Every structure is written in structure tokens, then in C-alpha cells.
Amino acid sequence: EMETPMGPQEFQLKGAGPTPFSRRGDGRAVLRSSIR
């Protein structure tokens, strides 16, 4: 979380690769879904 004028805001990167919870997925997002 980053302190901002709106109060603390959490930042996430969606599509930044696999995590321990990717369930054998690649952890990536594609351009189509990211734009949407």
C-alpha cells in the first residue's frame, strides 16, 4: 500500500508471471484482457 491523498492504496501488477497460487498457469495476462 502506498500513502496517497485518497488514503492508502494497494498496487497490484496483474500478469506479472506465475506465483505460488498459479495452479500450473503461466501467471500472464494478455493484451486483450488487460485493455478490457
Full PDB file with SEQRES, HELIX, SHEET, SSBOND, CRYST1, ORIGX, SCALE, CONECT and MASTER records, all heavy atoms in Angstrom:
SEQRES   1 A   36  GLU MET GLU THR PRO MET GLY PRO GLN GLU PHE GLN LEU          
SEQRES   2 A   36  LYS GLY ALA GLY PRO THR PRO PHE SER ARG ARG GLY ASP          
SEQRES   3 A   36  GLY ARG ALA VAL LEU ARG SER SER ILE ARG                      
HELIX    1 AA1 LEU A   31  ILE A   35  1                                   5    
CRYST1    1.000    1.000    1.000  90.00  90.00  90.00 P 1           1          
ORIGX1      1.000000  0.000000  0.000000        0.00000                         
ORIGX2      0.000000  1.000000  0.000000        0.00000                         
ORIGX3      0.000000  0.000000  1.000000        0.00000                         
SCALE1      1.000000  0.000000  0.000000        0.00000                         
SCALE2      0.000000  1.000000  0.000000        0.00000                         
SCALE3      0.000000  0.000000  1.000000        0.00000                         
ATOM      1  N   GLU A   1       0.840  -1.204   0.000  1.00  0.00           N  
ATOM      2  CA  GLU A   1       0.000   0.000   0.000  1.00  0.00           C  
ATOM      3  C   GLU A   1       0.871   1.249   0.000  1.00  0.00           C  
ATOM      4  O   GLU A   1       1.875   1.317   0.706  1.00  0.00           O  
ATOM      5  CB  GLU A   1      -0.915   0.030   1.214  1.00  0.00           C  
ATOM      6  CG  GLU A   1      -1.985  -1.046   1.210  1.00  0.00           C  
ATOM      7  CD  GLU A   1      -1.651  -2.183   2.155  1.00  0.00           C  
ATOM      8  OE1 GLU A   1      -0.496  -2.270   2.607  1.00  0.00           O  
ATOM      9  OE2 GLU A   1      -2.567  -2.984   2.430  1.00  0.00           O  
ATOM     10  N   MET A   2       0.440   2.210  -0.793  1.00  0.00           N  
ATOM     11  CA  MET A   2       1.141   3.481  -0.900  1.00  0.00           C  
ATOM     12  C   MET A   2       0.266   4.578  -0.301  1.00  0.00           C  
ATOM     13  O   MET A   2      -0.948   4.611  -0.536  1.00  0.00           O  
ATOM     14  CB  MET A   2       1.439   3.789  -2.372  1.00  0.00           C  
ATOM     15  CG  MET A   2       2.295   5.020  -2.612  1.00  0.00           C  
ATOM     16  SD  MET A   2       2.509   5.345  -4.393  1.00  0.00           S  
ATOM     17  CE  MET A   2       3.443   3.899  -4.896  1.00  0.00           C  
ATOM     18  N   GLU A   3       0.840   5.466   0.470  1.00  0.00           N  
ATOM     19  CA  GLU A   3       0.085   6.584   1.035  1.00  0.00           C  
ATOM     20  C   GLU A   3      -0.190   7.608  -0.066  1.00  0.00           C  
ATOM     21  O   GLU A   3       0.720   8.021  -0.793  1.00  0.00           O  
ATOM     22  CB  GLU A   3       0.882   7.236   2.167  1.00  0.00           C  
ATOM     23  CG  GLU A   3       1.119   6.321   3.365  1.00  0.00           C  
ATOM     24  CD  GLU A   3      -0.157   5.937   4.076  1.00  0.00           C  
ATOM     25  OE1 GLU A   3      -1.144   6.697   3.985  1.00  0.00           O  
ATOM     26  OE2 GLU A   3      -0.188   4.866   4.714  1.00  0.00           O  
ATOM     27  N   THR A   4      -1.454   8.001  -0.195  1.00  0.00           N  
ATOM     28  CA  THR A   4      -1.865   8.935  -1.249  1.00  0.00           C  
ATOM     29  C   THR A   4      -2.882   9.918  -0.677  1.00  0.00           C  
ATOM     30  O   THR A   4      -3.402   9.710   0.428  1.00  0.00           O  
ATOM     31  CB  THR A   4      -2.510   8.190  -2.435  1.00  0.00           C  
ATOM     32  OG1 THR A   4      -3.872   7.858  -2.106  1.00  0.00           O  
ATOM     33  CG2 THR A   4      -1.746   6.925  -2.794  1.00  0.00           C  
ATOM     34  N   PRO A   5      -3.233  10.973  -1.423  1.00  0.00           N  
ATOM     35  CA  PRO A   5      -4.299  11.875  -0.967  1.00  0.00           C  
ATOM     36  C   PRO A   5      -5.640  11.181  -0.798  1.00  0.00           C  
ATOM     37  O   PRO A   5      -6.510  11.679  -0.088  1.00  0.00           O  
ATOM     38  CB  PRO A   5      -4.360  12.928  -2.089  1.00  0.00           C  
ATOM     39  CG  PRO A   5      -2.998  12.920  -2.691  1.00  0.00           C  
ATOM     40  CD  PRO A   5      -2.545  11.501  -2.621  1.00  0.00           C  
ATOM     41  N   MET A   6      -5.827  10.026  -1.441  1.00  0.00           N  
ATOM     42  CA  MET A   6      -7.061   9.253  -1.285  1.00  0.00           C  
ATOM     43  C   MET A   6      -6.996   8.310  -0.100  1.00  0.00           C  
ATOM     44  O   MET A   6      -7.933   7.547   0.129  1.00  0.00           O  
ATOM     45  CB  MET A   6      -7.334   8.433  -2.554  1.00  0.00           C  
ATOM     46  CG  MET A   6      -7.520   9.243  -3.813  1.00  0.00           C  
ATOM     47  SD  MET A   6      -8.032   8.199  -5.225  1.00  0.00           S  
ATOM     48  CE  MET A   6      -6.538   7.223  -5.497  1.00  0.00           C  
ATOM     49  N   GLY A   7      -5.900   8.351   0.632  1.00  0.00           N  
ATOM     50  CA  GLY A   7      -5.668   7.371   1.676  1.00  0.00           C  
ATOM     51  C   GLY A   7      -4.778   6.258   1.141  1.00  0.00           C  
ATOM     52  O   GLY A   7      -4.356   6.273  -0.024  1.00  0.00           O  
ATOM     53  N   PRO A   8      -4.476   5.264   1.955  1.00  0.00           N  
ATOM     54  CA  PRO A   8      -3.627   4.165   1.484  1.00  0.00           C  
ATOM     55  C   PRO A   8      -4.265   3.439   0.299  1.00  0.00           C  
ATOM     56  O   PRO A   8      -5.448   3.105   0.332  1.00  0.00           O  
ATOM     57  CB  PRO A   8      -3.514   3.251   2.703  1.00  0.00           C  
ATOM     58  CG  PRO A   8      -3.850   4.118   3.878  1.00  0.00           C  
ATOM     59  CD  PRO A   8      -4.863   5.102   3.374  1.00  0.00           C  
ATOM     60  N   GLN A   9      -3.471   3.203  -0.744  1.00  0.00           N  
ATOM     61  CA  GLN A   9      -3.932   2.496  -1.925  1.00  0.00           C  
ATOM     62  C   GLN A   9      -2.984   1.344  -2.221  1.00  0.00           C  
ATOM     63  O   GLN A   9      -1.770   1.532  -2.288  1.00  0.00           O  
ATOM     64  CB  GLN A   9      -3.997   3.435  -3.138  1.00  0.00           C  
ATOM     65  CG  GLN A   9      -4.973   4.591  -2.992  1.00  0.00           C  
ATOM     66  CD  GLN A   9      -6.421   4.131  -3.025  1.00  0.00           C  
ATOM     67  OE1 GLN A   9      -6.827   3.358  -3.891  1.00  0.00           O  
ATOM     68  NE2 GLN A   9      -7.215   4.610  -2.077  1.00  0.00           N  
ATOM     69  N   GLU A  10      -3.573   0.167  -2.412  1.00  0.00           N  
ATOM     70  CA  GLU A  10      -2.762  -1.005  -2.729  1.00  0.00           C  
ATOM     71  C   GLU A  10      -2.529  -1.069  -4.236  1.00  0.00           C  
ATOM     72  O   GLU A  10      -3.446  -0.855  -5.027  1.00  0.00           O  
ATOM     73  CB  GLU A  10      -3.460  -2.278  -2.251  1.00  0.00           C  
ATOM     74  CG  GLU A  10      -2.639  -3.538  -2.476  1.00  0.00           C  
ATOM     75  CD  GLU A  10      -3.293  -4.788  -1.928  1.00  0.00           C  
ATOM     76  OE1 GLU A  10      -4.299  -4.664  -1.205  1.00  0.00           O  
ATOM     77  OE2 GLU A  10      -2.793  -5.885  -2.243  1.00  0.00           O  
ATOM     78  N   PHE A  11      -1.305  -1.390  -4.608  1.00  0.00           N  
ATOM     79  CA  PHE A  11      -0.931  -1.544  -6.018  1.00  0.00           C  
ATOM     80  C   PHE A  11      -0.730  -3.024  -6.328  1.00  0.00           C  
ATOM     81  O   PHE A  11      -0.112  -3.751  -5.556  1.00  0.00           O  
ATOM     82  CB  PHE A  11       0.361  -0.781  -6.322  1.00  0.00           C  
ATOM     83  CG  PHE A  11       0.172   0.707  -6.460  1.00  0.00           C  
ATOM     84  CD1 PHE A  11      -0.209   1.485  -5.374  1.00  0.00           C  
ATOM     85  CD2 PHE A  11       0.368   1.334  -7.680  1.00  0.00           C  
ATOM     86  CE1 PHE A  11      -0.390   2.845  -5.499  1.00  0.00           C  
ATOM     87  CE2 PHE A  11       0.191   2.704  -7.817  1.00  0.00           C  
ATOM     88  CZ  PHE A  11      -0.186   3.458  -6.725  1.00  0.00           C  
ATOM     89  N   GLN A  12      -1.255  -3.434  -7.471  1.00  0.00           N  
ATOM     90  CA  GLN A  12      -1.077  -4.800  -7.941  1.00  0.00           C  
ATOM     91  C   GLN A  12      -0.616  -4.788  -9.391  1.00  0.00           C  
ATOM     92  O   GLN A  12      -1.069  -3.963 -10.185  1.00  0.00           O  
ATOM     93  CB  GLN A  12      -2.386  -5.593  -7.872  1.00  0.00           C  
ATOM     94  CG  GLN A  12      -2.725  -6.189  -6.539  1.00  0.00           C  
ATOM     95  CD  GLN A  12      -3.893  -7.173  -6.657  1.00  0.00           C  
ATOM     96  OE1 GLN A  12      -4.540  -7.266  -7.695  1.00  0.00           O  
ATOM     97  NE2 GLN A  12      -4.152  -7.906  -5.592  1.00  0.00           N  
ATOM     98  N   LEU A  13       0.253  -5.732  -9.718  1.00  0.00           N  
ATOM     99  CA  LEU A  13       0.603  -5.992 -11.105  1.00  0.00           C  
ATOM    100  C   LEU A  13      -0.126  -7.257 -11.520  1.00  0.00           C  
ATOM    101  O   LEU A  13       0.115  -8.328 -10.963  1.00  0.00           O  
ATOM    102  CB  LEU A  13       2.112  -6.181 -11.266  1.00  0.00           C  
ATOM    103  CG  LEU A  13       3.006  -5.017 -10.845  1.00  0.00           C  
ATOM    104  CD1 LEU A  13       4.468  -5.356 -11.106  1.00  0.00           C  
ATOM    105  CD2 LEU A  13       2.613  -3.731 -11.564  1.00  0.00           C  
ATOM    106  N   LYS A  14      -1.038  -7.146 -12.478  1.00  0.00           N  
ATOM    107  CA  LYS A  14      -1.774  -8.317 -12.953  1.00  0.00           C  
ATOM    108  C   LYS A  14      -1.170  -8.772 -14.271  1.00  0.00           C  
ATOM    109  O   LYS A  14      -1.175  -8.047 -15.251  1.00  0.00           O  
ATOM    110  CB  LYS A  14      -3.253  -7.984 -13.143  1.00  0.00           C  
ATOM    111  CG  LYS A  14      -4.082  -9.193 -13.552  1.00  0.00           C  
ATOM    112  CD  LYS A  14      -5.552  -8.854 -13.635  1.00  0.00           C  
ATOM    113  CE  LYS A  14      -6.394 -10.062 -14.028  1.00  0.00           C  
ATOM    114  NZ  LYS A  14      -7.839  -9.720 -14.105  1.00  0.00           N  
ATOM    115  N   GLY A  15      -0.627  -9.996 -14.243  1.00  0.00           N  
ATOM    116  CA  GLY A  15       0.023 -10.543 -15.423  1.00  0.00           C  
ATOM    117  C   GLY A  15       1.527 -10.557 -15.323  1.00  0.00           C  
ATOM    118  O   GLY A  15       2.224 -10.681 -16.336  1.00  0.00           O  
ATOM    119  N   ALA A  16       2.039 -10.444 -14.083  1.00  0.00           N  
ATOM    120  CA  ALA A  16       3.488 -10.329 -13.871  1.00  0.00           C  
ATOM    121  C   ALA A  16       4.168 -11.679 -13.666  1.00  0.00           C  
ATOM    122  O   ALA A  16       5.251 -11.756 -13.101  1.00  0.00           O  
ATOM    123  CB  ALA A  16       3.775  -9.424 -12.672  1.00  0.00           C  
ATOM    124  N   GLY A  17       3.544 -12.757 -14.132  1.00  0.00           N  
ATOM    125  CA  GLY A  17       4.188 -14.059 -14.071  1.00  0.00           C  
ATOM    126  C   GLY A  17       3.619 -14.951 -12.989  1.00  0.00           C  
ATOM    127  O   GLY A  17       2.769 -14.539 -12.190  1.00  0.00           O  
ATOM    128  N   PRO A  18       4.052 -16.206 -12.950  1.00  0.00           N  
ATOM    129  CA  PRO A  18       3.486 -17.188 -12.020  1.00  0.00           C  
ATOM    130  C   PRO A  18       3.795 -16.850 -10.566  1.00  0.00           C  
ATOM    131  O   PRO A  18       4.808 -16.229 -10.243  1.00  0.00           O  
ATOM    132  CB  PRO A  18       4.147 -18.502 -12.435  1.00  0.00           C  
ATOM    133  CG  PRO A  18       5.425 -18.084 -13.116  1.00  0.00           C  
ATOM    134  CD  PRO A  18       5.114 -16.786 -13.793  1.00  0.00           C  
ATOM    135  N   THR A  19       2.881 -17.271  -9.691  1.00  0.00           N  
ATOM    136  CA  THR A  19       3.027 -17.132  -8.243  1.00  0.00           C  
ATOM    137  C   THR A  19       2.797 -18.511  -7.627  1.00  0.00           C  
ATOM    138  O   THR A  19       2.457 -19.470  -8.329  1.00  0.00           O  
ATOM    139  CB  THR A  19       1.986 -16.149  -7.680  1.00  0.00           C  
ATOM    140  OG1 THR A  19       0.707 -16.806  -7.647  1.00  0.00           O  
ATOM    141  CG2 THR A  19       1.894 -14.884  -8.523  1.00  0.00           C  
ATOM    142  N   PRO A  20       2.967 -18.645  -6.323  1.00  0.00           N  
ATOM    143  CA  PRO A  20       2.689 -19.948  -5.703  1.00  0.00           C  
ATOM    144  C   PRO A  20       1.240 -20.395  -5.855  1.00  0.00           C  
ATOM    145  O   PRO A  20       0.915 -21.547  -5.551  1.00  0.00           O  
ATOM    146  CB  PRO A  20       3.033 -19.690  -4.231  1.00  0.00           C  
ATOM    147  CG  PRO A  20       3.991 -18.555  -4.244  1.00  0.00           C  
ATOM    148  CD  PRO A  20       3.554 -17.692  -5.369  1.00  0.00           C  
ATOM    149  N   PHE A  21       0.352 -19.494  -6.316  1.00  0.00           N  
ATOM    150  CA  PHE A  21      -1.066 -19.828  -6.420  1.00  0.00           C  
ATOM    151  C   PHE A  21      -1.541 -19.862  -7.874  1.00  0.00           C  
ATOM    152  O   PHE A  21      -2.737 -19.757  -8.141  1.00  0.00           O  
ATOM    153  CB  PHE A  21      -1.889 -18.809  -5.618  1.00  0.00           C  
ATOM    154  CG  PHE A  21      -1.356 -18.607  -4.224  1.00  0.00           C  
ATOM    155  CD1 PHE A  21      -0.778 -17.409  -3.854  1.00  0.00           C  
ATOM    156  CD2 PHE A  21      -1.408 -19.636  -3.284  1.00  0.00           C  
ATOM    157  CE1 PHE A  21      -0.267 -17.220  -2.573  1.00  0.00           C  
ATOM    158  CE2 PHE A  21      -0.900 -19.461  -2.011  1.00  0.00           C  
ATOM    159  CZ  PHE A  21      -0.332 -18.257  -1.649  1.00  0.00           C  
ATOM    160  N   SER A  22      -0.620 -20.035  -8.805  1.00  0.00           N  
ATOM    161  CA  SER A  22      -0.979 -20.010 -10.215  1.00  0.00           C  
ATOM    162  C   SER A  22      -1.587 -21.323 -10.703  1.00  0.00           C  
ATOM    163  O   SER A  22      -2.077 -21.394 -11.829  1.00  0.00           O  
ATOM    164  CB  SER A  22       0.246 -19.674 -11.079  1.00  0.00           C  
ATOM    165  OG  SER A  22       0.699 -18.366 -10.828  1.00  0.00           O  
ATOM    166  N   ARG A  23      -1.519 -22.361  -9.903  1.00  0.00           N  
ATOM    167  CA  ARG A  23      -2.117 -23.662 -10.245  1.00  0.00           C  
ATOM    168  C   ARG A  23      -1.683 -24.120 -11.646  1.00  0.00           C  
ATOM    169  O   ARG A  23      -2.501 -24.431 -12.501  1.00  0.00           O  
ATOM    170  CB  ARG A  23      -3.644 -23.581 -10.150  1.00  0.00           C  
ATOM    171  CG  ARG A  23      -4.141 -23.342  -8.724  1.00  0.00           C  
ATOM    172  CD  ARG A  23      -5.651 -23.297  -8.663  1.00  0.00           C  
ATOM    173  NE  ARG A  23      -6.183 -22.131  -9.358  1.00  0.00           N  
ATOM    174  CZ  ARG A  23      -7.468 -21.943  -9.622  1.00  0.00           C  
ATOM    175  NH1 ARG A  23      -8.346 -22.861  -9.275  1.00  0.00           N  
ATOM    176  NH2 ARG A  23      -7.872 -20.845 -10.241  1.00  0.00           N  
ATOM    177  N   ARG A  24      -0.388 -24.132 -11.846  1.00  0.00           N  
ATOM    178  CA  ARG A  24       0.251 -24.592 -13.085  1.00  0.00           C  
ATOM    179  C   ARG A  24       0.019 -23.646 -14.261  1.00  0.00           C  
ATOM    180  O   ARG A  24       0.360 -23.959 -15.399  1.00  0.00           O  
ATOM    181  CB  ARG A  24      -0.198 -26.012 -13.449  1.00  0.00           C  
ATOM    182  CG  ARG A  24       0.199 -27.060 -12.401  1.00  0.00           C  
ATOM    183  CD  ARG A  24      -0.142 -28.465 -12.856  1.00  0.00           C  
ATOM    184  NE  ARG A  24      -1.580 -28.625 -13.066  1.00  0.00           N  
ATOM    185  CZ  ARG A  24      -2.440 -28.875 -12.085  1.00  0.00           C  
ATOM    186  NH1 ARG A  24      -2.009 -28.984 -10.838  1.00  0.00           N  
ATOM    187  NH2 ARG A  24      -3.729 -29.024 -12.345  1.00  0.00           N  
ATOM    188  N   GLY A  25      -0.567 -22.469 -14.005  1.00  0.00           N  
ATOM    189  CA  GLY A  25      -0.722 -21.477 -15.056  1.00  0.00           C  
ATOM    190  C   GLY A  25       0.548 -20.668 -15.229  1.00  0.00           C  
ATOM    191  O   GLY A  25       1.477 -20.738 -14.412  1.00  0.00           O  
ATOM    192  N   ASP A  26       0.585 -19.862 -16.295  1.00  0.00           N  
ATOM    193  CA  ASP A  26       1.798 -19.080 -16.562  1.00  0.00           C  
ATOM    194  C   ASP A  26       1.801 -17.736 -15.855  1.00  0.00           C  
ATOM    195  O   ASP A  26       2.796 -17.014 -15.895  1.00  0.00           O  
ATOM    196  CB  ASP A  26       1.993 -18.877 -18.070  1.00  0.00           C  
ATOM    197  CG  ASP A  26       0.815 -18.170 -18.747  1.00  0.00           C  
ATOM    198  OD1 ASP A  26       0.026 -17.503 -18.052  1.00  0.00           O  
ATOM    199  OD2 ASP A  26       0.693 -18.291 -19.981  1.00  0.00           O  
ATOM    200  N   GLY A  27       0.678 -17.372 -15.216  1.00  0.00           N  
ATOM    201  CA  GLY A  27       0.633 -16.125 -14.473  1.00  0.00           C  
ATOM    202  C   GLY A  27       0.604 -14.878 -15.330  1.00  0.00           C  
ATOM    203  O   GLY A  27       0.676 -13.761 -14.814  1.00  0.00           O  
ATOM    204  N   ARG A  28       0.465 -15.052 -16.626  1.00  0.00           N  
ATOM    205  CA  ARG A  28       0.476 -13.910 -17.538  1.00  0.00           C  
ATOM    206  C   ARG A  28      -0.944 -13.466 -17.873  1.00  0.00           C  
ATOM    207  O   ARG A  28      -1.893 -14.232 -17.815  1.00  0.00           O  
ATOM    208  CB  ARG A  28       1.199 -14.279 -18.834  1.00  0.00           C  
ATOM    209  CG  ARG A  28       2.705 -14.403 -18.700  1.00  0.00           C  
ATOM    210  CD  ARG A  28       3.335 -13.103 -18.272  1.00  0.00           C  
ATOM    211  NE  ARG A  28       4.800 -13.153 -18.297  1.00  0.00           N  
ATOM    212  CZ  ARG A  28       5.563 -12.226 -17.723  1.00  0.00           C  
ATOM    213  NH1 ARG A  28       5.014 -11.199 -17.081  1.00  0.00           N  
ATOM    214  NH2 ARG A  28       6.872 -12.326 -17.780  1.00  0.00           N  
ATOM    215  N   ALA A  29      -1.062 -12.199 -18.218  1.00  0.00           N  
ATOM    216  CA  ALA A  29      -2.283 -11.663 -18.796  1.00  0.00           C  
ATOM    217  C   ALA A  29      -1.989 -11.307 -20.244  1.00  0.00           C  
ATOM    218  O   ALA A  29      -0.838 -11.027 -20.606  1.00  0.00           O  
ATOM    219  CB  ALA A  29      -2.742 -10.426 -18.035  1.00  0.00           C  
ATOM    220  N   VAL A  30      -3.004 -11.334 -21.084  1.00  0.00           N  
ATOM    221  CA  VAL A  30      -2.802 -10.999 -22.495  1.00  0.00           C  
ATOM    222  C   VAL A  30      -3.266  -9.566 -22.749  1.00  0.00           C  
ATOM    223  O   VAL A  30      -3.990  -8.971 -21.948  1.00  0.00           O  
ATOM    224  CB  VAL A  30      -3.545 -11.980 -23.421  1.00  0.00           C  
ATOM    225  CG1 VAL A  30      -2.993 -13.382 -23.242  1.00  0.00           C  
ATOM    226  CG2 VAL A  30      -5.041 -11.947 -23.168  1.00  0.00           C  
ATOM    227  N   LEU A  31      -2.838  -9.036 -23.875  1.00  0.00           N  
ATOM    228  CA  LEU A  31      -3.152  -7.649 -24.204  1.00  0.00           C  
ATOM    229  C   LEU A  31      -4.659  -7.417 -24.238  1.00  0.00           C  
ATOM    230  O   LEU A  31      -5.164  -6.408 -23.731  1.00  0.00           O  
ATOM    231  CB  LEU A  31      -2.530  -7.291 -25.554  1.00  0.00           C  
ATOM    232  CG  LEU A  31      -2.700  -5.837 -26.013  1.00  0.00           C  
ATOM    233  CD1 LEU A  31      -1.985  -4.886 -25.062  1.00  0.00           C  
ATOM    234  CD2 LEU A  31      -2.178  -5.670 -27.439  1.00  0.00           C  
ATOM    235  N   ARG A  32      -5.411  -8.357 -24.810  1.00  0.00           N  
ATOM    236  CA  ARG A  32      -6.863  -8.216 -24.946  1.00  0.00           C  
ATOM    237  C   ARG A  32      -7.523  -8.003 -23.585  1.00  0.00           C  
ATOM    238  O   ARG A  32      -8.233  -7.021 -23.369  1.00  0.00           O  
ATOM    239  CB  ARG A  32      -7.438  -9.468 -25.611  1.00  0.00           C  
ATOM    240  CG  ARG A  32      -8.959  -9.551 -25.585  1.00  0.00           C  
ATOM    241  CD  ARG A  32      -9.440 -10.842 -26.208  1.00  0.00           C  
ATOM    242  NE  ARG A  32      -9.048 -10.910 -27.611  1.00  0.00           N  
ATOM    243  CZ  ARG A  32      -9.752 -10.367 -28.601  1.00  0.00           C  
ATOM    244  NH1 ARG A  32     -10.896  -9.735 -28.325  1.00  0.00           N  
ATOM    245  NH2 ARG A  32      -9.349 -10.461 -29.843  1.00  0.00           N  
ATOM    246  N   SER A  33      -7.323  -8.914 -22.656  1.00  0.00           N  
ATOM    247  CA  SER A  33      -7.991  -8.810 -21.358  1.00  0.00           C  
ATOM    248  C   SER A  33      -7.486  -7.634 -20.553  1.00  0.00           C  
ATOM    249  O   SER A  33      -8.233  -7.024 -19.784  1.00  0.00           O  
ATOM    250  CB  SER A  33      -7.809 -10.108 -20.566  1.00  0.00           C  
ATOM    251  OG  SER A  33      -6.439 -10.357 -20.309  1.00  0.00           O  
ATOM    252  N   SER A  34      -6.217  -7.286 -20.728  1.00  0.00           N  
ATOM    253  CA  SER A  34      -5.648  -6.160 -19.987  1.00  0.00           C  
ATOM    254  C   SER A  34      -6.271  -4.838 -20.429  1.00  0.00           C  
ATOM    255  O   SER A  34      -6.586  -3.977 -19.603  1.00  0.00           O  
ATOM    256  CB  SER A  34      -4.130  -6.122 -20.164  1.00  0.00           C  
ATOM    257  OG  SER A  34      -3.532  -7.302 -19.656  1.00  0.00           O  
ATOM    258  N   ILE A  35      -6.458  -4.672 -21.731  1.00  0.00           N  
ATOM    259  CA  ILE A  35      -7.098  -3.457 -22.230  1.00  0.00           C  
ATOM    260  C   ILE A  35      -8.536  -3.382 -21.744  1.00  0.00           C  
ATOM    261  O   ILE A  35      -9.023  -2.318 -21.321  1.00  0.00           O  
ATOM    262  CB  ILE A  35      -7.031  -3.403 -23.766  1.00  0.00           C  
ATOM    263  CG1 ILE A  35      -5.594  -3.113 -24.213  1.00  0.00           C  
ATOM    264  CG2 ILE A  35      -7.985  -2.345 -24.326  1.00  0.00           C  
ATOM    265  CD1 ILE A  35      -5.394  -3.181 -25.715  1.00  0.00           C  
ATOM    266  N   ARG A  36      -9.249  -4.491 -21.775  1.00  0.00           N  
ATOM    267  CA  ARG A  36     -10.636  -4.500 -21.327  1.00  0.00           C  
ATOM    268  C   ARG A  36     -10.733  -4.108 -19.851  1.00  0.00           C  
ATOM    269  O   ARG A  36     -11.572  -3.299 -19.458  1.00  0.00           O  
ATOM    270  CB  ARG A  36     -11.261  -5.876 -21.558  1.00  0.00           C  
ATOM    271  CG  ARG A  36     -11.674  -6.118 -23.001  1.00  0.00           C  
ATOM    272  CD  ARG A  36     -12.154  -7.547 -23.223  1.00  0.00           C  
ATOM    273  NE  ARG A  36     -13.286  -7.896 -22.367  1.00  0.00           N  
ATOM    274  CZ  ARG A  36     -14.556  -7.612 -22.639  1.00  0.00           C  
ATOM    275  NH1 ARG A  36     -14.872  -6.946 -23.750  1.00  0.00           N  
ATOM    276  NH2 ARG A  36     -15.519  -7.989 -21.816  1.00  0.00           N  
TER     277      ARG A  36                                                      
MASTER        0    0    0    1    0    0    0    6  276    1    0    3          
END                                                                             
